[in-house]
Amino acid sequence: MACGYTHDEHIARITGLENPKDTEALQKAVYLALDATSKDTQKIESALNFLRGNYELTVDITYNKGTAPNAEHQWYTHLGWEYDYTQEIPIGWTQEWVDNQQKMFFLRKKILKDTVKKIFPAFPDSKNDSLSALLYYTHIAGDLRYNGSPCNMIKIHELVLGFDEHLCVLFGERANALVDQIKNNLNGVSFKDDAEPLDRTFELLFGTVPRLLKEQTN
């Protein structure tokens, strides 16, 4: 499992922001979107309060509305940016539980997208969504890199598809070389030998995305 400080470092490096408060806001928003669980009450409340006080997070977004159970928490958030939790009912679940999980996932994504919008106000909705998704998949890549098993997460080929889609929305043709490098780097890679290819993928992202983001906002 990737530690919180590893995820935070990845978010800082892939955005390359000059304002440390903006970086911290994105780190907290990504945490709330993917890893906020019932064991972390104090950390969640601190993150929510930071975003309320500095990035206009609405007060109606509360701990109880956006917190997943701790057990197997990745199943609740790590199955893809567009994953539809209503498409199947796991054993032991009810339709109501599935519908509630979908609502919770939408809320967690909204926290991230609203934070991105505050930091990149000139982005249209499509780019706001794709930058949020890029941060989401960067977090997933960290978990795939450091986890003991790939349970309850997307597969590496799905990670590649996520990077491909959202880098292209964000940067158009300027993302083509990066996308091709990521595809070549992760082509045919399985979980058991993903460490080195994912390390190379991180360096590709960290070496390219901050420059492209800066070009977008200047």
C-alpha atoms as a PDB file:
ATOM      1  CA  MET A   1       0.000   0.000   0.000  1.00  0.00           C
ATOM      2  CA  ALA A   2       1.359   3.417  -0.912  1.00  0.00           C
ATOM      3  CA  CYS A   3       1.669   5.632   2.158  1.00  0.00           C
ATOM      4  CA  GLY A   4      -0.025   9.000   2.362  1.00  0.00           C
ATOM      5  CA  TYR A   5       3.245  10.895   1.985  1.00  0.00           C
ATOM      6  CA  THR A   6       4.002   8.961  -1.223  1.00  0.00           C
ATOM      7  CA  HIS A   7       0.639   9.913  -2.718  1.00  0.00           C
ATOM      8  CA  ASP A   8       1.195  13.520  -1.636  1.00  0.00           C
ATOM      9  CA  GLU A   9       4.613  13.590  -3.290  1.00  0.00           C
ATOM     10  CA  HIS A  10       3.128  12.232  -6.517  1.00  0.00           C
ATOM     11  CA  ILE A  11       0.399  14.894  -6.558  1.00  0.00           C
ATOM     12  CA  ALA A  12       2.955  17.624  -5.938  1.00  0.00           C
ATOM     13  CA  ARG A  13       5.242  16.395  -8.700  1.00  0.00           C
ATOM     14  CA  ILE A  14       2.596  15.831 -11.351  1.00  0.00           C
ATOM     15  CA  THR A  15       1.114  19.315 -10.897  1.00  0.00           C
ATOM     16  CA  GLY A  16       4.295  21.297 -10.249  1.00  0.00           C
ATOM     17  CA  LEU A  17       2.352  24.159  -8.684  1.00  0.00           C
ATOM     18  CA  GLU A  18       4.225  27.147  -7.285  1.00  0.00           C
ATOM     19  CA  ASN A  19       1.673  27.844  -4.542  1.00  0.00           C
ATOM     20  CA  PRO A  20       2.169  25.296  -1.720  1.00  0.00           C
ATOM     21  CA  LYS A  21      -1.358  25.881  -0.419  1.00  0.00           C
ATOM     22  CA  ASP A  22      -2.813  24.881  -3.806  1.00  0.00           C
ATOM     23  CA  THR A  23      -0.687  21.749  -3.757  1.00  0.00           C
ATOM     24  CA  GLU A  24      -1.883  20.928  -0.257  1.00  0.00           C
ATOM     25  CA  ALA A  25      -5.492  21.465  -1.307  1.00  0.00           C
ATOM     26  CA  LEU A  26      -5.162  18.985  -4.168  1.00  0.00           C
ATOM     27  CA  GLN A  27      -3.429  16.472  -1.911  1.00  0.00           C
ATOM     28  CA  LYS A  28      -6.261  16.699   0.603  1.00  0.00           C
ATOM     29  CA  ALA A  29      -8.942  16.530  -2.086  1.00  0.00           C
ATOM     30  CA  VAL A  30      -7.378  13.426  -3.645  1.00  0.00           C
ATOM     31  CA  TYR A  31      -7.191  11.828  -0.206  1.00  0.00           C
ATOM     32  CA  LEU A  32     -10.868  12.579   0.430  1.00  0.00           C
ATOM     33  CA  ALA A  33     -11.821  11.226  -2.989  1.00  0.00           C
ATOM     34  CA  LEU A  34      -9.981   7.920  -2.664  1.00  0.00           C
ATOM     35  CA  ASP A  35      -8.798   7.067   0.824  1.00  0.00           C
ATOM     36  CA  ALA A  36     -11.060   8.705   3.413  1.00  0.00           C
ATOM     37  CA  THR A  37     -12.270   5.846   5.602  1.00  0.00           C
ATOM     38  CA  SER A  38     -14.010   5.427   8.919  1.00  0.00           C
ATOM     39  CA  LYS A  39     -10.736   4.935  10.828  1.00  0.00           C
ATOM     40  CA  ASP A  40      -9.454   8.450   9.992  1.00  0.00           C
ATOM     41  CA  THR A  41     -12.022  10.774  11.588  1.00  0.00           C
ATOM     42  CA  GLN A  42      -9.560  13.472  12.641  1.00  0.00           C
ATOM     43  CA  LYS A  43      -7.664  13.491   9.334  1.00  0.00           C
ATOM     44  CA  ILE A  44     -10.885  13.707   7.321  1.00  0.00           C
ATOM     45  CA  GLU A  45     -12.300  16.545   9.408  1.00  0.00           C
ATOM     46  CA  SER A  46      -8.993  18.423   9.123  1.00  0.00           C
ATOM     47  CA  ALA A  47      -8.995  18.057   5.339  1.00  0.00           C
ATOM     48  CA  LEU A  48     -12.629  19.136   5.058  1.00  0.00           C
ATOM     49  CA  ASN A  49     -12.027  22.161   7.276  1.00  0.00           C
ATOM     50  CA  PHE A  50      -8.975  23.179   5.242  1.00  0.00           C
ATOM     51  CA  LEU A  51     -10.954  23.059   2.000  1.00  0.00           C
ATOM     52  CA  ARG A  52     -13.941  24.841   3.536  1.00  0.00           C
ATOM     53  CA  GLY A  53     -11.773  27.612   4.917  1.00  0.00           C
ATOM     54  CA  ASN A  54      -9.550  28.130   1.882  1.00  0.00           C
ATOM     55  CA  TYR A  55     -11.244  26.698  -1.231  1.00  0.00           C
ATOM     56  CA  GLU A  56     -14.952  27.275  -0.632  1.00  0.00           C
ATOM     57  CA  LEU A  57     -15.904  23.647  -0.077  1.00  0.00           C
ATOM     58  CA  THR A  58     -19.581  23.759   0.834  1.00  0.00           C
ATOM     59  CA  VAL A  59     -20.467  23.104   4.467  1.00  0.00           C
ATOM     60  CA  ASP A  60     -23.053  20.468   3.510  1.00  0.00           C
ATOM     61  CA  ILE A  61     -20.232  18.084   2.503  1.00  0.00           C
ATOM     62  CA  THR A  62     -19.641  16.328   5.804  1.00  0.00           C
ATOM     63  CA  TYR A  63     -17.685  13.394   7.217  1.00  0.00           C
ATOM     64  CA  ASN A  64     -20.750  11.142   7.304  1.00  0.00           C
ATOM     65  CA  LYS A  65     -21.689  11.825   3.696  1.00  0.00           C
ATOM     66  CA  GLY A  66     -18.328  11.006   2.167  1.00  0.00           C
ATOM     67  CA  THR A  67     -16.611   8.383   4.279  1.00  0.00           C
ATOM     68  CA  ALA A  68     -16.275   4.755   3.197  1.00  0.00           C
ATOM     69  CA  PRO A  69     -15.922   1.761   5.548  1.00  0.00           C
ATOM     70  CA  ASN A  70     -12.310   0.945   6.311  1.00  0.00           C
ATOM     71  CA  ALA A  71     -12.469  -2.731   5.345  1.00  0.00           C
ATOM     72  CA  GLU A  72     -11.430  -3.193   1.702  1.00  0.00           C
ATOM     73  CA  HIS A  73     -11.856   0.545   1.179  1.00  0.00           C
ATOM     74  CA  GLN A  74     -10.371   0.397  -2.311  1.00  0.00           C
ATOM     75  CA  TRP A  75     -13.439  -1.408  -3.585  1.00  0.00           C
ATOM     76  CA  TYR A  76     -15.440   1.743  -2.845  1.00  0.00           C
ATOM     77  CA  THR A  77     -13.252   4.152  -4.807  1.00  0.00           C
ATOM     78  CA  HIS A  78     -10.480   2.460  -6.798  1.00  0.00           C
ATOM     79  CA  LEU A  79     -12.435   0.845  -9.646  1.00  0.00           C
ATOM     80  CA  GLY A  80     -12.165   3.675 -12.176  1.00  0.00           C
ATOM     81  CA  TRP A  81     -13.087   7.335 -12.517  1.00  0.00           C
ATOM     82  CA  GLU A  82     -16.260   6.484 -14.424  1.00  0.00           C
ATOM     83  CA  TYR A  83     -17.109   3.281 -12.586  1.00  0.00           C
ATOM     84  CA  ASP A  84     -20.828   2.695 -12.088  1.00  0.00           C
ATOM     85  CA  TYR A  85     -21.517   1.037  -8.740  1.00  0.00           C
ATOM     86  CA  THR A  86     -25.118   0.378  -9.707  1.00  0.00           C
ATOM     87  CA  GLN A  87     -24.169  -2.017 -12.530  1.00  0.00           C
ATOM     88  CA  GLU A  88     -23.963  -5.024 -10.197  1.00  0.00           C
ATOM     89  CA  ILE A  89     -24.937  -5.945  -6.662  1.00  0.00           C
ATOM     90  CA  PRO A  90     -22.139  -7.721  -4.772  1.00  0.00           C
ATOM     91  CA  ILE A  91     -22.994 -10.740  -2.650  1.00  0.00           C
ATOM     92  CA  GLY A  92     -24.501  -9.599   0.624  1.00  0.00           C
ATOM     93  CA  TRP A  93     -25.375  -6.116  -0.662  1.00  0.00           C
ATOM     94  CA  THR A  94     -28.790  -4.607  -1.299  1.00  0.00           C
ATOM     95  CA  GLN A  95     -29.794  -2.278  -4.104  1.00  0.00           C
ATOM     96  CA  GLU A  96     -30.054   0.529  -1.574  1.00  0.00           C
ATOM     97  CA  TRP A  97     -26.458   0.020  -0.460  1.00  0.00           C
ATOM     98  CA  VAL A  98     -25.245   0.042  -4.062  1.00  0.00           C
ATOM     99  CA  ASP A  99     -27.200   3.208  -4.866  1.00  0.00           C
ATOM    100  CA  ASN A 100     -25.825   4.904  -1.756  1.00  0.00           C
ATOM    101  CA  GLN A 101     -22.269   3.963  -2.702  1.00  0.00           C
ATOM    102  CA  GLN A 102     -22.729   5.521  -6.127  1.00  0.00           C
ATOM    103  CA  LYS A 103     -23.967   8.747  -4.542  1.00  0.00           C
ATOM    104  CA  MET A 104     -20.997   8.745  -2.174  1.00  0.00           C
ATOM    105  CA  PHE A 105     -18.532   8.245  -5.026  1.00  0.00           C
ATOM    106  CA  PHE A 106     -20.092  11.152  -6.933  1.00  0.00           C
ATOM    107  CA  LEU A 107     -19.718  13.318  -3.826  1.00  0.00           C
ATOM    108  CA  ARG A 108     -16.085  12.347  -3.343  1.00  0.00           C
ATOM    109  CA  LYS A 109     -15.357  13.120  -6.985  1.00  0.00           C
ATOM    110  CA  LYS A 110     -17.136  16.448  -6.613  1.00  0.00           C
ATOM    111  CA  ILE A 111     -14.799  17.434  -3.770  1.00  0.00           C
ATOM    112  CA  LEU A 112     -11.824  16.866  -6.056  1.00  0.00           C
ATOM    113  CA  LYS A 113     -13.369  18.544  -9.093  1.00  0.00           C
ATOM    114  CA  ASP A 114     -14.479  21.583  -7.100  1.00  0.00           C
ATOM    115  CA  THR A 115     -10.968  21.964  -5.695  1.00  0.00           C
ATOM    116  CA  VAL A 116      -9.411  21.679  -9.146  1.00  0.00           C
ATOM    117  CA  LYS A 117     -11.856  24.297 -10.417  1.00  0.00           C
ATOM    118  CA  LYS A 118     -10.796  26.760  -7.721  1.00  0.00           C
ATOM    119  CA  ILE A 119      -7.119  26.299  -8.596  1.00  0.00           C
ATOM    120  CA  PHE A 120      -7.582  26.216 -12.382  1.00  0.00           C
ATOM    121  CA  PRO A 121     -10.597  28.538 -12.870  1.00  0.00           C
ATOM    122  CA  ALA A 122      -9.977  29.026 -16.591  1.00  0.00           C
ATOM    123  CA  PHE A 123     -10.391  25.326 -17.365  1.00  0.00           C
ATOM    124  CA  PRO A 124     -13.666  24.320 -19.036  1.00  0.00           C
ATOM    125  CA  ASP A 125     -15.647  21.549 -17.379  1.00  0.00           C
ATOM    126  CA  SER A 126     -14.156  18.855 -19.620  1.00  0.00           C
ATOM    127  CA  LYS A 127     -10.581  19.743 -18.656  1.00  0.00           C
ATOM    128  CA  ASN A 128     -11.534  20.178 -15.024  1.00  0.00           C
ATOM    129  CA  ASP A 129     -12.926  16.642 -15.052  1.00  0.00           C
ATOM    130  CA  SER A 130      -9.886  15.230 -16.844  1.00  0.00           C
ATOM    131  CA  LEU A 131      -7.351  16.906 -14.559  1.00  0.00           C
ATOM    132  CA  SER A 132      -9.269  15.506 -11.592  1.00  0.00           C
ATOM    133  CA  ALA A 133      -9.237  12.094 -13.257  1.00  0.00           C
ATOM    134  CA  LEU A 134      -5.502  12.389 -13.960  1.00  0.00           C
ATOM    135  CA  LEU A 135      -4.856  12.998 -10.252  1.00  0.00           C
ATOM    136  CA  TYR A 136      -7.153  10.072  -9.452  1.00  0.00           C
ATOM    137  CA  TYR A 137      -5.258   7.696 -11.752  1.00  0.00           C
ATOM    138  CA  THR A 138      -1.919   8.956 -10.417  1.00  0.00           C
ATOM    139  CA  HIS A 139      -3.071   7.873  -6.960  1.00  0.00           C
ATOM    140  CA  ILE A 140      -4.179   4.497  -8.350  1.00  0.00           C
ATOM    141  CA  ALA A 141      -0.782   4.057 -10.006  1.00  0.00           C
ATOM    142  CA  GLY A 142       0.858   4.630  -6.633  1.00  0.00           C
ATOM    143  CA  ASP A 143      -1.257   1.902  -5.078  1.00  0.00           C
ATOM    144  CA  LEU A 144      -0.517  -0.497  -7.931  1.00  0.00           C
ATOM    145  CA  ARG A 145       3.171   0.246  -7.467  1.00  0.00           C
ATOM    146  CA  TYR A 146       3.300  -0.370  -3.722  1.00  0.00           C
ATOM    147  CA  ASN A 147       0.392  -2.678  -2.857  1.00  0.00           C
ATOM    148  CA  GLY A 148       0.898  -6.224  -1.695  1.00  0.00           C
ATOM    149  CA  SER A 149      -1.899  -7.432  -3.981  1.00  0.00           C
ATOM    150  CA  PRO A 150      -4.034  -5.908  -6.751  1.00  0.00           C
ATOM    151  CA  CYS A 151      -7.356  -6.724  -5.096  1.00  0.00           C
ATOM    152  CA  ASN A 152     -10.260  -4.287  -5.415  1.00  0.00           C
ATOM    153  CA  MET A 153      -8.515  -2.056  -7.956  1.00  0.00           C
ATOM    154  CA  ILE A 154      -8.416  -1.549 -11.686  1.00  0.00           C
ATOM    155  CA  LYS A 155      -5.859  -3.468 -13.736  1.00  0.00           C
ATOM    156  CA  ILE A 156      -2.777  -1.886 -15.273  1.00  0.00           C
ATOM    157  CA  HIS A 157      -4.245  -1.887 -18.787  1.00  0.00           C
ATOM    158  CA  GLU A 158      -7.226   0.071 -17.416  1.00  0.00           C
ATOM    159  CA  LEU A 159      -4.797   2.520 -15.829  1.00  0.00           C
ATOM    160  CA  VAL A 160      -3.206   3.070 -19.239  1.00  0.00           C
ATOM    161  CA  LEU A 161      -6.615   3.724 -20.789  1.00  0.00           C
ATOM    162  CA  GLY A 162      -7.364   6.262 -18.066  1.00  0.00           C
ATOM    163  CA  PHE A 163      -4.104   8.139 -18.619  1.00  0.00           C
ATOM    164  CA  ASP A 164      -4.625   8.033 -22.392  1.00  0.00           C
ATOM    165  CA  GLU A 165      -8.154   9.441 -22.294  1.00  0.00           C
ATOM    166  CA  HIS A 166      -7.587  12.235 -19.837  1.00  0.00           C
ATOM    167  CA  LEU A 167      -4.148  13.381 -20.980  1.00  0.00           C
ATOM    168  CA  CYS A 168      -5.589  13.775 -24.473  1.00  0.00           C
ATOM    169  CA  VAL A 169      -8.572  15.784 -23.218  1.00  0.00           C
ATOM    170  CA  LEU A 170      -6.246  18.035 -21.236  1.00  0.00           C
ATOM    171  CA  PHE A 171      -3.495  18.603 -23.758  1.00  0.00           C
ATOM    172  CA  GLY A 172      -4.697  17.411 -27.172  1.00  0.00           C
ATOM    173  CA  GLU A 173      -1.959  16.481 -29.622  1.00  0.00           C
ATOM    174  CA  ARG A 174       0.737  17.734 -27.262  1.00  0.00           C
ATOM    175  CA  ALA A 175       0.029  14.682 -25.115  1.00  0.00           C
ATOM    176  CA  ASN A 176       0.586  12.186 -27.944  1.00  0.00           C
ATOM    177  CA  ALA A 177       4.273  11.530 -27.283  1.00  0.00           C
ATOM    178  CA  LEU A 178       3.688  11.093 -23.543  1.00  0.00           C
ATOM    179  CA  VAL A 179       0.741   8.767 -24.099  1.00  0.00           C
ATOM    180  CA  ASP A 180       2.761   6.663 -26.546  1.00  0.00           C
ATOM    181  CA  GLN A 181       5.619   6.402 -24.051  1.00  0.00           C
ATOM    182  CA  ILE A 182       3.259   5.319 -21.273  1.00  0.00           C
ATOM    183  CA  LYS A 183       1.654   2.705 -23.517  1.00  0.00           C
ATOM    184  CA  ASN A 184       5.031   1.311 -24.591  1.00  0.00           C
ATOM    185  CA  ASN A 185       6.261   1.312 -21.010  1.00  0.00           C
ATOM    186  CA  LEU A 186       3.262  -0.529 -19.557  1.00  0.00           C
ATOM    187  CA  ASN A 187       2.331  -2.735 -22.503  1.00  0.00           C
ATOM    188  CA  GLY A 188       1.844  -6.293 -21.284  1.00  0.00           C
ATOM    189  CA  VAL A 189       2.924  -5.486 -17.729  1.00  0.00           C
ATOM    190  CA  SER A 190       1.234  -7.504 -14.989  1.00  0.00           C
ATOM    191  CA  PHE A 191       0.980  -6.744 -11.295  1.00  0.00           C
ATOM    192  CA  LYS A 192       3.808  -9.072 -10.314  1.00  0.00           C
ATOM    193  CA  ASP A 193       6.391  -7.094 -12.302  1.00  0.00           C
ATOM    194  CA  ASP A 194       4.883  -3.614 -12.299  1.00  0.00           C
ATOM    195  CA  ALA A 195       7.321  -1.782  -9.981  1.00  0.00           C
ATOM    196  CA  GLU A 196      10.001  -0.725 -12.443  1.00  0.00           C
ATOM    197  CA  PRO A 197       7.600   0.070 -15.324  1.00  0.00           C
ATOM    198  CA  LEU A 198       5.442   2.160 -12.996  1.00  0.00           C
ATOM    199  CA  ASP A 199       8.494   4.000 -11.654  1.00  0.00           C
ATOM    200  CA  ARG A 200       9.416   4.876 -15.243  1.00  0.00           C
ATOM    201  CA  THR A 201       5.824   5.933 -15.886  1.00  0.00           C
ATOM    202  CA  PHE A 202       5.862   8.288 -12.908  1.00  0.00           C
ATOM    203  CA  GLU A 203       9.028   9.938 -14.188  1.00  0.00           C
ATOM    204  CA  LEU A 204       7.453  10.364 -17.626  1.00  0.00           C
ATOM    205  CA  LEU A 205       4.411  12.024 -16.065  1.00  0.00           C
ATOM    206  CA  PHE A 206       6.388  14.183 -13.646  1.00  0.00           C
ATOM    207  CA  GLY A 207       8.758  15.291 -16.396  1.00  0.00           C
ATOM    208  CA  THR A 208       6.013  16.337 -18.814  1.00  0.00           C
ATOM    209  CA  VAL A 209       2.670  17.173 -17.197  1.00  0.00           C
ATOM    210  CA  PRO A 210       3.786  20.201 -15.108  1.00  0.00           C
ATOM    211  CA  ARG A 211       5.159  21.894 -18.241  1.00  0.00           C
ATOM    212  CA  LEU A 212       1.978  21.193 -20.204  1.00  0.00           C
ATOM    213  CA  LEU A 213      -0.172  22.455 -17.337  1.00  0.00           C
ATOM    214  CA  LYS A 214       1.865  25.654 -17.141  1.00  0.00           C
ATOM    215  CA  GLU A 215       1.428  26.189 -20.882  1.00  0.00           C
ATOM    216  CA  GLN A 216      -2.324  25.705 -20.466  1.00  0.00           C
ATOM    217  CA  THR A 217      -2.623  28.330 -17.750  1.00  0.00           C
ATOM    218  CA  ASN A 218      -0.265  31.017 -19.106  1.00  0.00           C
END
